[in-house]
């Protein structure tokens, strides 16, 4: 299957798809599909949004349009993309086309819209039974925001969901590392306090993570006592190549965001301290070569007073919570 932008030449295929799944239109409008729905989909956008900020993408299987996705760039803010619609052809439901369409759209956003760090969408209550679980399985989480929704006589509530995307600073490149294998390097200077990565992936329990760790490499951070974020592995994203250092030039700004701890020169390897992000039992020999090298990095390093003093609040929040629990 291939993902391609929908153009005016594809209006007939889009209209046929919409009419093949009449239940969707009825759940969000109260009416069956209309003859001009495809044309409206291509043209409609929120007030104040430029024409080139909207794209409609189609998932094609040969000449058959299998799914269609309405996407806005920079809405409601500059780092957010908004999914207005994802609809699957009625004849292809239950085949995984919705997931395939979303995964290709996410890849499109990451590659083509590098400033977008969050994808956002709204689920209308009248369509929630069919849609909410689908989006949650794809990693979207409810924001708690709800807005009145009205389409002519249909009155409902639209509930907002969002998903953070894996993002890396455009100045970062992967090269051979003197620490271990390949590493992440700054192609140009990056000042202190600049965000260089936002991590995303699937959430797993501690038991699930322990099984995954039997087959390295596994790129992971601890989110809560029994919850961990595992980064994608196929393909492995560039940001996952960041090596450990006991004197790193990155540290944590929040649960999934790394920022520069000091100015980074062009050509310098970009590193973080693995001990500040993982709270499960493990040991790793360290080859960072810094004057502060600990020799071994462990899942208990969050307990070390010297590291707590060095990094202050710049730990994964779950580990900060453990540290503060020990203080009481």
C-alpha atoms as a PDB file:
ATOM      1  CA  UNK A   1       0.000   0.000   0.000  1.00  0.00           C
ATOM      2  CA  UNK A   2       1.125   3.563  -0.637  1.00  0.00           C
ATOM      3  CA  UNK A   3       0.295   6.937   0.871  1.00  0.00           C
ATOM      4  CA  UNK A   4      -0.233   9.827  -1.545  1.00  0.00           C
ATOM      5  CA  UNK A   5      -1.757  13.293  -1.439  1.00  0.00           C
ATOM      6  CA  UNK A   6      -5.359  13.467  -2.618  1.00  0.00           C
ATOM      7  CA  UNK A   7      -5.916  15.907  -5.500  1.00  0.00           C
ATOM      8  CA  UNK A   8      -8.935  17.150  -7.392  1.00  0.00           C
ATOM      9  CA  UNK A   9      -8.580  14.182  -9.743  1.00  0.00           C
ATOM     10  CA  UNK A  10      -9.340  11.849  -6.823  1.00  0.00           C
ATOM     11  CA  UNK A  11     -12.677  13.387  -5.780  1.00  0.00           C
ATOM     12  CA  UNK A  12     -14.637  10.475  -7.234  1.00  0.00           C
ATOM     13  CA  UNK A  13     -12.602   7.904  -5.305  1.00  0.00           C
ATOM     14  CA  UNK A  14     -12.986   9.884  -2.069  1.00  0.00           C
ATOM     15  CA  UNK A  15     -16.738  10.203  -2.582  1.00  0.00           C
ATOM     16  CA  UNK A  16     -17.038   6.460  -3.190  1.00  0.00           C
ATOM     17  CA  UNK A  17     -15.102   5.775   0.034  1.00  0.00           C
ATOM     18  CA  UNK A  18     -17.330   8.118   2.057  1.00  0.00           C
ATOM     19  CA  UNK A  19     -20.489   6.508   0.680  1.00  0.00           C
ATOM     20  CA  UNK A  20     -19.133   3.021   1.448  1.00  0.00           C
ATOM     21  CA  UNK A  21     -19.116   3.849   5.179  1.00  0.00           C
ATOM     22  CA  UNK A  22     -22.372   5.753   5.611  1.00  0.00           C
ATOM     23  CA  UNK A  23     -22.517   4.997   9.332  1.00  0.00           C
ATOM     24  CA  UNK A  24     -19.503   7.224  10.038  1.00  0.00           C
ATOM     25  CA  UNK A  25     -21.084  10.256   8.378  1.00  0.00           C
ATOM     26  CA  UNK A  26     -24.371   9.649  10.182  1.00  0.00           C
ATOM     27  CA  UNK A  27     -22.631   9.439  13.566  1.00  0.00           C
ATOM     28  CA  UNK A  28     -20.878  12.792  13.174  1.00  0.00           C
ATOM     29  CA  UNK A  29     -23.480  14.760  11.175  1.00  0.00           C
ATOM     30  CA  UNK A  30     -26.805  13.060  11.796  1.00  0.00           C
ATOM     31  CA  UNK A  31     -27.252  12.625   8.041  1.00  0.00           C
ATOM     32  CA  UNK A  32     -26.256  10.066   5.402  1.00  0.00           C
ATOM     33  CA  UNK A  33     -23.418  11.056   3.043  1.00  0.00           C
ATOM     34  CA  UNK A  34     -24.145  13.931   0.676  1.00  0.00           C
ATOM     35  CA  UNK A  35     -23.191  14.155  -2.981  1.00  0.00           C
ATOM     36  CA  UNK A  36     -20.597  16.892  -2.349  1.00  0.00           C
ATOM     37  CA  UNK A  37     -18.967  15.478   0.795  1.00  0.00           C
ATOM     38  CA  UNK A  38     -15.672  14.648  -0.936  1.00  0.00           C
ATOM     39  CA  UNK A  39     -15.351  18.136  -2.379  1.00  0.00           C
ATOM     40  CA  UNK A  40     -16.116  19.622   1.032  1.00  0.00           C
ATOM     41  CA  UNK A  41     -13.444  17.449   2.650  1.00  0.00           C
ATOM     42  CA  UNK A  42     -10.814  18.805   0.268  1.00  0.00           C
ATOM     43  CA  UNK A  43     -11.805  22.437   0.795  1.00  0.00           C
ATOM     44  CA  UNK A  44     -12.864  22.877   4.432  1.00  0.00           C
ATOM     45  CA  UNK A  45     -10.393  24.144   7.013  1.00  0.00           C
ATOM     46  CA  UNK A  46     -10.602  26.223  10.216  1.00  0.00           C
ATOM     47  CA  UNK A  47     -10.809  29.980   9.877  1.00  0.00           C
ATOM     48  CA  UNK A  48      -7.370  31.589   9.740  1.00  0.00           C
ATOM     49  CA  UNK A  49      -5.588  28.438   8.536  1.00  0.00           C
ATOM     50  CA  UNK A  50      -3.677  28.902   5.272  1.00  0.00           C
ATOM     51  CA  UNK A  51      -4.591  26.723   2.313  1.00  0.00           C
ATOM     52  CA  UNK A  52      -1.150  25.109   2.212  1.00  0.00           C
ATOM     53  CA  UNK A  53      -1.444  24.082   5.891  1.00  0.00           C
ATOM     54  CA  UNK A  54      -4.072  21.483   4.972  1.00  0.00           C
ATOM     55  CA  UNK A  55      -3.347  18.193   3.244  1.00  0.00           C
ATOM     56  CA  UNK A  56      -5.627  15.253   2.532  1.00  0.00           C
ATOM     57  CA  UNK A  57      -3.746  11.968   2.225  1.00  0.00           C
ATOM     58  CA  UNK A  58      -4.988   8.724   0.749  1.00  0.00           C
ATOM     59  CA  UNK A  59      -3.941   5.129   1.402  1.00  0.00           C
ATOM     60  CA  UNK A  60      -4.058   3.288  -1.915  1.00  0.00           C
ATOM     61  CA  UNK A  61      -3.993  -0.413  -2.719  1.00  0.00           C
ATOM     62  CA  UNK A  62      -3.308  -0.297  -6.437  1.00  0.00           C
ATOM     63  CA  UNK A  63      -6.107   1.854  -7.877  1.00  0.00           C
ATOM     64  CA  UNK A  64      -8.385   1.370  -4.856  1.00  0.00           C
ATOM     65  CA  UNK A  65      -8.580   4.145  -2.252  1.00  0.00           C
ATOM     66  CA  UNK A  66      -8.598   2.251   1.051  1.00  0.00           C
ATOM     67  CA  UNK A  67      -8.449   5.105   3.591  1.00  0.00           C
ATOM     68  CA  UNK A  68      -8.405   8.888   3.652  1.00  0.00           C
ATOM     69  CA  UNK A  69      -6.865  11.222   6.254  1.00  0.00           C
ATOM     70  CA  UNK A  70      -7.478  14.961   6.696  1.00  0.00           C
ATOM     71  CA  UNK A  71      -4.463  16.678   8.268  1.00  0.00           C
ATOM     72  CA  UNK A  72      -3.675  20.245   9.368  1.00  0.00           C
ATOM     73  CA  UNK A  73      -0.171  21.613   9.909  1.00  0.00           C
ATOM     74  CA  UNK A  74       0.398  24.008  12.798  1.00  0.00           C
ATOM     75  CA  UNK A  75      -3.051  23.791  14.368  1.00  0.00           C
ATOM     76  CA  UNK A  76      -3.897  24.897  16.996  1.00  0.00           C
ATOM     77  CA  UNK A  77      -0.252  25.982  17.488  1.00  0.00           C
ATOM     78  CA  UNK A  78       2.998  25.838  15.576  1.00  0.00           C
ATOM     79  CA  UNK A  79       4.239  22.512  16.955  1.00  0.00           C
ATOM     80  CA  UNK A  80       0.959  20.585  16.633  1.00  0.00           C
ATOM     81  CA  UNK A  81      -0.631  18.719  13.745  1.00  0.00           C
ATOM     82  CA  UNK A  82      -4.374  18.035  13.807  1.00  0.00           C
ATOM     83  CA  UNK A  83      -6.067  14.963  12.353  1.00  0.00           C
ATOM     84  CA  UNK A  84      -9.513  16.076  11.269  1.00  0.00           C
ATOM     85  CA  UNK A  85     -10.589  12.696   9.926  1.00  0.00           C
ATOM     86  CA  UNK A  86      -9.372   9.171   9.292  1.00  0.00           C
ATOM     87  CA  UNK A  87     -11.933   7.084   7.420  1.00  0.00           C
ATOM     88  CA  UNK A  88     -11.530   3.562   6.050  1.00  0.00           C
ATOM     89  CA  UNK A  89     -13.413   2.224   3.031  1.00  0.00           C
ATOM     90  CA  UNK A  90     -16.355   0.106   4.178  1.00  0.00           C
ATOM     91  CA  UNK A  91     -15.116  -2.816   2.106  1.00  0.00           C
ATOM     92  CA  UNK A  92     -11.730  -2.833   3.837  1.00  0.00           C
ATOM     93  CA  UNK A  93     -12.709  -2.541   7.483  1.00  0.00           C
ATOM     94  CA  UNK A  94     -11.158  -5.145   9.771  1.00  0.00           C
ATOM     95  CA  UNK A  95      -8.054  -5.514   7.589  1.00  0.00           C
ATOM     96  CA  UNK A  96      -5.754  -3.197   9.560  1.00  0.00           C
ATOM     97  CA  UNK A  97      -6.036  -0.416   6.981  1.00  0.00           C
ATOM     98  CA  UNK A  98      -6.742   2.218   9.641  1.00  0.00           C
ATOM     99  CA  UNK A  99      -3.570   1.395  11.576  1.00  0.00           C
ATOM    100  CA  UNK A 100      -1.516   1.244   8.371  1.00  0.00           C
ATOM    101  CA  UNK A 101      -2.873   4.616   7.256  1.00  0.00           C
ATOM    102  CA  UNK A 102      -2.082   6.202  10.620  1.00  0.00           C
ATOM    103  CA  UNK A 103       1.448   4.781  10.782  1.00  0.00           C
ATOM    104  CA  UNK A 104       2.233   6.117   7.301  1.00  0.00           C
ATOM    105  CA  UNK A 105       0.735   9.494   8.191  1.00  0.00           C
ATOM    106  CA  UNK A 106       2.863   9.680  11.348  1.00  0.00           C
ATOM    107  CA  UNK A 107       5.949   8.913   9.279  1.00  0.00           C
ATOM    108  CA  UNK A 108       4.903  11.602   6.778  1.00  0.00           C
ATOM    109  CA  UNK A 109       4.584  14.187   9.551  1.00  0.00           C
ATOM    110  CA  UNK A 110       7.957  13.311  11.090  1.00  0.00           C
ATOM    111  CA  UNK A 111       9.741  13.458   7.726  1.00  0.00           C
ATOM    112  CA  UNK A 112       7.918  16.363   6.055  1.00  0.00           C
ATOM    113  CA  UNK A 113       6.865  18.580   8.964  1.00  0.00           C
ATOM    114  CA  UNK A 114       9.876  18.472  11.329  1.00  0.00           C
ATOM    115  CA  UNK A 115       8.526  21.217  13.600  1.00  0.00           C
ATOM    116  CA  UNK A 116       5.473  19.125  14.539  1.00  0.00           C
ATOM    117  CA  UNK A 117       5.959  17.398  17.902  1.00  0.00           C
ATOM    118  CA  UNK A 118       2.366  16.524  18.785  1.00  0.00           C
ATOM    119  CA  UNK A 119      -0.570  15.056  16.872  1.00  0.00           C
ATOM    120  CA  UNK A 120      -4.021  15.993  18.106  1.00  0.00           C
ATOM    121  CA  UNK A 121      -7.587  14.984  17.236  1.00  0.00           C
ATOM    122  CA  UNK A 122     -11.151  15.118  18.531  1.00  0.00           C
ATOM    123  CA  UNK A 123     -13.512  12.185  19.061  1.00  0.00           C
ATOM    124  CA  UNK A 124     -17.214  13.060  19.032  1.00  0.00           C
ATOM    125  CA  UNK A 125     -19.234  11.195  21.660  1.00  0.00           C
ATOM    126  CA  UNK A 126     -21.650   9.882  19.030  1.00  0.00           C
ATOM    127  CA  UNK A 127     -18.674   8.170  17.345  1.00  0.00           C
ATOM    128  CA  UNK A 128     -16.711   7.280  20.487  1.00  0.00           C
ATOM    129  CA  UNK A 129     -17.725   3.619  20.624  1.00  0.00           C
ATOM    130  CA  UNK A 130     -16.140   3.057  17.209  1.00  0.00           C
ATOM    131  CA  UNK A 131     -13.225   5.516  17.436  1.00  0.00           C
ATOM    132  CA  UNK A 132     -11.929   6.052  20.982  1.00  0.00           C
ATOM    133  CA  UNK A 133     -10.419   2.595  21.442  1.00  0.00           C
ATOM    134  CA  UNK A 134      -8.788   2.700  18.010  1.00  0.00           C
ATOM    135  CA  UNK A 135      -6.940   5.924  18.781  1.00  0.00           C
ATOM    136  CA  UNK A 136      -5.955   4.793  22.267  1.00  0.00           C
ATOM    137  CA  UNK A 137      -4.411   1.621  20.846  1.00  0.00           C
ATOM    138  CA  UNK A 138      -2.316   3.852  18.598  1.00  0.00           C
ATOM    139  CA  UNK A 139      -0.933   5.715  21.622  1.00  0.00           C
ATOM    140  CA  UNK A 140      -3.269   8.716  21.811  1.00  0.00           C
ATOM    141  CA  UNK A 141      -4.310   9.825  25.288  1.00  0.00           C
ATOM    142  CA  UNK A 142      -7.278  11.929  26.373  1.00  0.00           C
ATOM    143  CA  UNK A 143      -6.242  15.458  27.345  1.00  0.00           C
ATOM    144  CA  UNK A 144      -9.311  15.995  29.524  1.00  0.00           C
ATOM    145  CA  UNK A 145     -10.502  18.794  27.251  1.00  0.00           C
ATOM    146  CA  UNK A 146     -14.088  18.625  25.998  1.00  0.00           C
ATOM    147  CA  UNK A 147     -15.941  21.048  23.755  1.00  0.00           C
ATOM    148  CA  UNK A 148     -19.605  21.262  22.708  1.00  0.00           C
ATOM    149  CA  UNK A 149     -20.108  19.809  19.229  1.00  0.00           C
ATOM    150  CA  UNK A 150     -22.992  20.672  16.940  1.00  0.00           C
ATOM    151  CA  UNK A 151     -23.774  19.802  13.341  1.00  0.00           C
ATOM    152  CA  UNK A 152     -27.195  21.155  12.381  1.00  0.00           C
ATOM    153  CA  UNK A 153     -29.585  19.183  14.635  1.00  0.00           C
ATOM    154  CA  UNK A 154     -26.923  16.832  16.023  1.00  0.00           C
ATOM    155  CA  UNK A 155     -25.609  17.954  19.411  1.00  0.00           C
ATOM    156  CA  UNK A 156     -22.797  16.100  21.153  1.00  0.00           C
ATOM    157  CA  UNK A 157     -19.410  16.606  22.832  1.00  0.00           C
ATOM    158  CA  UNK A 158     -15.982  16.494  21.166  1.00  0.00           C
ATOM    159  CA  UNK A 159     -13.208  15.139  23.408  1.00  0.00           C
ATOM    160  CA  UNK A 160      -9.577  15.933  22.632  1.00  0.00           C
ATOM    161  CA  UNK A 161      -6.809  13.335  22.345  1.00  0.00           C
ATOM    162  CA  UNK A 162      -3.141  13.800  21.580  1.00  0.00           C
ATOM    163  CA  UNK A 163       0.065  11.882  21.035  1.00  0.00           C
ATOM    164  CA  UNK A 164       3.610  13.145  21.342  1.00  0.00           C
ATOM    165  CA  UNK A 165       5.841  12.282  18.408  1.00  0.00           C
ATOM    166  CA  UNK A 166       9.448  11.176  18.478  1.00  0.00           C
ATOM    167  CA  UNK A 167      11.459  14.288  17.626  1.00  0.00           C
ATOM    168  CA  UNK A 168      15.130  15.155  17.352  1.00  0.00           C
ATOM    169  CA  UNK A 169      16.902  18.477  16.786  1.00  0.00           C
ATOM    170  CA  UNK A 170      17.739  18.892  13.081  1.00  0.00           C
ATOM    171  CA  UNK A 171      21.408  19.522  13.953  1.00  0.00           C
ATOM    172  CA  UNK A 172      21.886  15.982  15.314  1.00  0.00           C
ATOM    173  CA  UNK A 173      23.521  13.333  13.127  1.00  0.00           C
ATOM    174  CA  UNK A 174      24.529   9.693  13.667  1.00  0.00           C
ATOM    175  CA  UNK A 175      28.249   8.859  13.307  1.00  0.00           C
ATOM    176  CA  UNK A 176      30.808   6.366  14.599  1.00  0.00           C
ATOM    177  CA  UNK A 177      31.432   6.962  18.286  1.00  0.00           C
ATOM    178  CA  UNK A 178      34.549   6.653  20.411  1.00  0.00           C
ATOM    179  CA  UNK A 179      32.325   5.619  23.331  1.00  0.00           C
ATOM    180  CA  UNK A 180      30.369   2.750  21.789  1.00  0.00           C
ATOM    181  CA  UNK A 181      29.319   1.823  18.260  1.00  0.00           C
ATOM    182  CA  UNK A 182      27.462   4.684  16.670  1.00  0.00           C
ATOM    183  CA  UNK A 183      26.588   7.854  18.520  1.00  0.00           C
ATOM    184  CA  UNK A 184      24.751  11.117  18.142  1.00  0.00           C
ATOM    185  CA  UNK A 185      26.729  14.241  17.221  1.00  0.00           C
ATOM    186  CA  UNK A 186      26.015  17.940  16.843  1.00  0.00           C
ATOM    187  CA  UNK A 187      26.595  19.055  13.253  1.00  0.00           C
ATOM    188  CA  UNK A 188      26.641  22.681  14.430  1.00  0.00           C
ATOM    189  CA  UNK A 189      26.877  24.474  17.795  1.00  0.00           C
ATOM    190  CA  UNK A 190      23.884  24.099  20.128  1.00  0.00           C
ATOM    191  CA  UNK A 191      23.501  26.523  23.033  1.00  0.00           C
ATOM    192  CA  UNK A 192      22.819  25.599  26.653  1.00  0.00           C
ATOM    193  CA  UNK A 193      19.141  25.122  27.507  1.00  0.00           C
ATOM    194  CA  UNK A 194      17.980  24.107  24.012  1.00  0.00           C
ATOM    195  CA  UNK A 195      15.571  21.179  23.648  1.00  0.00           C
ATOM    196  CA  UNK A 196      17.198  18.558  21.418  1.00  0.00           C
ATOM    197  CA  UNK A 197      14.843  15.592  21.644  1.00  0.00           C
ATOM    198  CA  UNK A 198      11.370  14.489  22.593  1.00  0.00           C
ATOM    199  CA  UNK A 199      10.922  10.767  23.110  1.00  0.00           C
ATOM    200  CA  UNK A 200       7.871   8.699  22.230  1.00  0.00           C
ATOM    201  CA  UNK A 201       6.993   5.042  21.836  1.00  0.00           C
ATOM    202  CA  UNK A 202       4.891   2.301  23.382  1.00  0.00           C
ATOM    203  CA  UNK A 203       4.279   1.882  27.094  1.00  0.00           C
ATOM    204  CA  UNK A 204       5.094  -1.418  28.802  1.00  0.00           C
ATOM    205  CA  UNK A 205       5.089  -2.814  32.331  1.00  0.00           C
ATOM    206  CA  UNK A 206       8.270  -3.670  34.234  1.00  0.00           C
ATOM    207  CA  UNK A 207       7.720  -7.386  33.579  1.00  0.00           C
ATOM    208  CA  UNK A 208       7.317  -6.744  29.850  1.00  0.00           C
ATOM    209  CA  UNK A 209      10.435  -4.567  29.825  1.00  0.00           C
ATOM    210  CA  UNK A 210      12.516  -7.238  31.554  1.00  0.00           C
ATOM    211  CA  UNK A 211      11.616  -9.641  28.748  1.00  0.00           C
ATOM    212  CA  UNK A 212      12.522  -7.076  26.090  1.00  0.00           C
ATOM    213  CA  UNK A 213      15.884  -6.389  27.742  1.00  0.00           C
ATOM    214  CA  UNK A 214      16.909  -9.992  27.058  1.00  0.00           C
ATOM    215  CA  UNK A 215      17.294  -8.997  23.391  1.00  0.00           C
ATOM    216  CA  UNK A 216      19.199  -5.681  23.248  1.00  0.00           C
ATOM    217  CA  UNK A 217      19.364  -2.997  22.116  1.00  0.00           C
ATOM    218  CA  UNK A 218      16.251  -1.709  23.871  1.00  0.00           C
ATOM    219  CA  UNK A 219      15.889   2.063  24.137  1.00  0.00           C
ATOM    220  CA  UNK A 220      13.739   2.834  27.168  1.00  0.00           C
ATOM    221  CA  UNK A 221      13.000   5.310  29.940  1.00  0.00           C
ATOM    222  CA  UNK A 222      11.010   4.870  33.157  1.00  0.00           C
ATOM    223  CA  UNK A 223       7.711   6.757  33.326  1.00  0.00           C
ATOM    224  CA  UNK A 224       6.275   5.429  36.593  1.00  0.00           C
ATOM    225  CA  UNK A 225       6.814   2.622  39.102  1.00  0.00           C
ATOM    226  CA  UNK A 226       5.430  -0.016  36.719  1.00  0.00           C
ATOM    227  CA  UNK A 227       5.393   1.857  33.432  1.00  0.00           C
ATOM    228  CA  UNK A 228       8.165   2.355  30.888  1.00  0.00           C
ATOM    229  CA  UNK A 229       8.426   3.958  27.466  1.00  0.00           C
ATOM    230  CA  UNK A 230      10.106   1.848  24.778  1.00  0.00           C
ATOM    231  CA  UNK A 231      11.274   3.684  21.666  1.00  0.00           C
ATOM    232  CA  UNK A 232      10.617   2.246  18.194  1.00  0.00           C
ATOM    233  CA  UNK A 233      13.230  -0.195  16.924  1.00  0.00           C
ATOM    234  CA  UNK A 234      12.284  -0.832  13.279  1.00  0.00           C
ATOM    235  CA  UNK A 235      13.552   1.478  12.041  1.00  0.00           C
ATOM    236  CA  UNK A 236      15.586   2.663  15.002  1.00  0.00           C
ATOM    237  CA  UNK A 237      15.269   6.474  15.184  1.00  0.00           C
ATOM    238  CA  UNK A 238      18.392   8.640  15.135  1.00  0.00           C
ATOM    239  CA  UNK A 239      17.697   9.974  18.613  1.00  0.00           C
ATOM    240  CA  UNK A 240      18.026   6.428  20.015  1.00  0.00           C
ATOM    241  CA  UNK A 241      21.751   6.433  19.171  1.00  0.00           C
ATOM    242  CA  UNK A 242      22.569   8.820  22.017  1.00  0.00           C
ATOM    243  CA  UNK A 243      25.316   7.205  24.123  1.00  0.00           C
ATOM    244  CA  UNK A 244      25.766   7.325  27.886  1.00  0.00           C
ATOM    245  CA  UNK A 245      28.278   9.576  29.603  1.00  0.00           C
ATOM    246  CA  UNK A 246      28.904  10.051  33.308  1.00  0.00           C
ATOM    247  CA  UNK A 247      29.481  13.742  32.512  1.00  0.00           C
ATOM    248  CA  UNK A 248      26.796  14.295  29.852  1.00  0.00           C
ATOM    249  CA  UNK A 249      25.972  17.416  27.892  1.00  0.00           C
ATOM    250  CA  UNK A 250      22.220  16.647  27.975  1.00  0.00           C
ATOM    251  CA  UNK A 251      19.801  16.224  30.847  1.00  0.00           C
ATOM    252  CA  UNK A 252      16.066  15.860  31.380  1.00  0.00           C
ATOM    253  CA  UNK A 253      13.703  18.821  31.103  1.00  0.00           C
ATOM    254  CA  UNK A 254      10.616  16.668  31.751  1.00  0.00           C
ATOM    255  CA  UNK A 255       9.479  13.054  31.466  1.00  0.00           C
ATOM    256  CA  UNK A 256      10.267  12.726  27.749  1.00  0.00           C
ATOM    257  CA  UNK A 257      12.325  15.803  26.841  1.00  0.00           C
ATOM    258  CA  UNK A 258      16.117  16.200  26.793  1.00  0.00           C
ATOM    259  CA  UNK A 259      17.793  19.605  26.698  1.00  0.00           C
ATOM    260  CA  UNK A 260      21.406  20.757  26.593  1.00  0.00           C
ATOM    261  CA  UNK A 261      23.145  20.904  29.969  1.00  0.00           C
ATOM    262  CA  UNK A 262      25.858  23.177  28.609  1.00  0.00           C
ATOM    263  CA  UNK A 263      26.909  24.646  25.264  1.00  0.00           C
ATOM    264  CA  UNK A 264      27.724  21.926  22.723  1.00  0.00           C
ATOM    265  CA  UNK A 265      30.346  22.527  20.051  1.00  0.00           C
ATOM    266  CA  UNK A 266      30.033  21.478  16.424  1.00  0.00           C
ATOM    267  CA  UNK A 267      31.311  17.907  16.065  1.00  0.00           C
ATOM    268  CA  UNK A 268      30.867  17.085  19.765  1.00  0.00           C
ATOM    269  CA  UNK A 269      29.130  13.840  20.714  1.00  0.00           C
ATOM    270  CA  UNK A 270      25.750  14.373  22.360  1.00  0.00           C
ATOM    271  CA  UNK A 271      25.279  12.227  25.483  1.00  0.00           C
ATOM    272  CA  UNK A 272      23.054  11.715  28.493  1.00  0.00           C
ATOM    273  CA  UNK A 273      23.426   9.824  31.768  1.00  0.00           C
ATOM    274  CA  UNK A 274      21.438   6.585  31.507  1.00  0.00           C
ATOM    275  CA  UNK A 275      21.287   6.437  35.303  1.00  0.00           C
ATOM    276  CA  UNK A 276      18.916   9.417  35.314  1.00  0.00           C
ATOM    277  CA  UNK A 277      16.260   7.724  33.198  1.00  0.00           C
ATOM    278  CA  UNK A 278      15.945   4.023  34.007  1.00  0.00           C
ATOM    279  CA  UNK A 279      14.836   2.635  37.346  1.00  0.00           C
ATOM    280  CA  UNK A 280      14.801  -1.112  36.679  1.00  0.00           C
ATOM    281  CA  UNK A 281      17.564  -3.483  37.848  1.00  0.00           C
ATOM    282  CA  UNK A 282      20.402  -3.573  35.308  1.00  0.00           C
ATOM    283  CA  UNK A 283      24.154  -3.046  35.022  1.00  0.00           C
ATOM    284  CA  UNK A 284      26.142  -1.636  32.122  1.00  0.00           C
ATOM    285  CA  UNK A 285      29.894  -1.222  31.848  1.00  0.00           C
ATOM    286  CA  UNK A 286      30.736   2.374  31.046  1.00  0.00           C
ATOM    287  CA  UNK A 287      33.346   3.400  28.481  1.00  0.00           C
ATOM    288  CA  UNK A 288      32.579   7.115  28.387  1.00  0.00           C
ATOM    289  CA  UNK A 289      36.166   8.058  29.287  1.00  0.00           C
ATOM    290  CA  UNK A 290      35.169  11.175  31.232  1.00  0.00           C
ATOM    291  CA  UNK A 291      36.942  12.213  34.431  1.00  0.00           C
ATOM    292  CA  UNK A 292      33.701  11.403  36.278  1.00  0.00           C
ATOM    293  CA  UNK A 293      33.306   7.892  34.827  1.00  0.00           C
ATOM    294  CA  UNK A 294      31.635   5.541  37.327  1.00  0.00           C
ATOM    295  CA  UNK A 295      32.821   2.391  35.553  1.00  0.00           C
ATOM    296  CA  UNK A 296      29.407   0.756  35.880  1.00  0.00           C
ATOM    297  CA  UNK A 297      25.963   2.284  35.350  1.00  0.00           C
ATOM    298  CA  UNK A 298      23.074   0.665  37.247  1.00  0.00           C
ATOM    299  CA  UNK A 299      19.345   0.929  37.748  1.00  0.00           C
ATOM    300  CA  UNK A 300      20.020   2.085  41.320  1.00  0.00           C
ATOM    301  CA  UNK A 301      22.108   5.135  40.420  1.00  0.00           C
ATOM    302  CA  UNK A 302      19.160   7.376  41.303  1.00  0.00           C
ATOM    303  CA  UNK A 303      20.019   6.627  44.956  1.00  0.00           C
ATOM    304  CA  UNK A 304      23.514   8.150  44.712  1.00  0.00           C
ATOM    305  CA  UNK A 305      23.851  11.423  46.611  1.00  0.00           C
ATOM    306  CA  UNK A 306      26.629  12.696  44.323  1.00  0.00           C
ATOM    307  CA  UNK A 307      24.437  12.285  41.241  1.00  0.00           C
ATOM    308  CA  UNK A 308      21.428  13.832  42.952  1.00  0.00           C
ATOM    309  CA  UNK A 309      23.564  16.877  43.737  1.00  0.00           C
ATOM    310  CA  UNK A 310      25.025  17.030  40.207  1.00  0.00           C
ATOM    311  CA  UNK A 311      21.740  16.842  38.322  1.00  0.00           C
ATOM    312  CA  UNK A 312      19.333  18.487  40.759  1.00  0.00           C
ATOM    313  CA  UNK A 313      15.802  18.179  39.361  1.00  0.00           C
ATOM    314  CA  UNK A 314      16.963  17.011  35.926  1.00  0.00           C
ATOM    315  CA  UNK A 315      15.903  13.386  36.304  1.00  0.00           C
ATOM    316  CA  UNK A 316      12.985  11.438  34.907  1.00  0.00           C
ATOM    317  CA  UNK A 317      10.069  12.480  37.191  1.00  0.00           C
ATOM    318  CA  UNK A 318       9.480   8.880  38.314  1.00  0.00           C
ATOM    319  CA  UNK A 319      13.024   8.750  39.726  1.00  0.00           C
ATOM    320  CA  UNK A 320      12.669  12.182  41.323  1.00  0.00           C
ATOM    321  CA  UNK A 321       9.588  10.849  43.095  1.00  0.00           C
ATOM    322  CA  UNK A 322      11.613   7.915  44.426  1.00  0.00           C
ATOM    323  CA  UNK A 323      14.374  10.227  45.639  1.00  0.00           C
ATOM    324  CA  UNK A 324      11.920  12.468  47.453  1.00  0.00           C
ATOM    325  CA  UNK A 325      10.278   9.430  49.003  1.00  0.00           C
ATOM    326  CA  UNK A 326      13.614   8.510  50.568  1.00  0.00           C
ATOM    327  CA  UNK A 327      13.951  12.016  52.028  1.00  0.00           C
ATOM    328  CA  UNK A 328      10.755  11.717  54.075  1.00  0.00           C
END
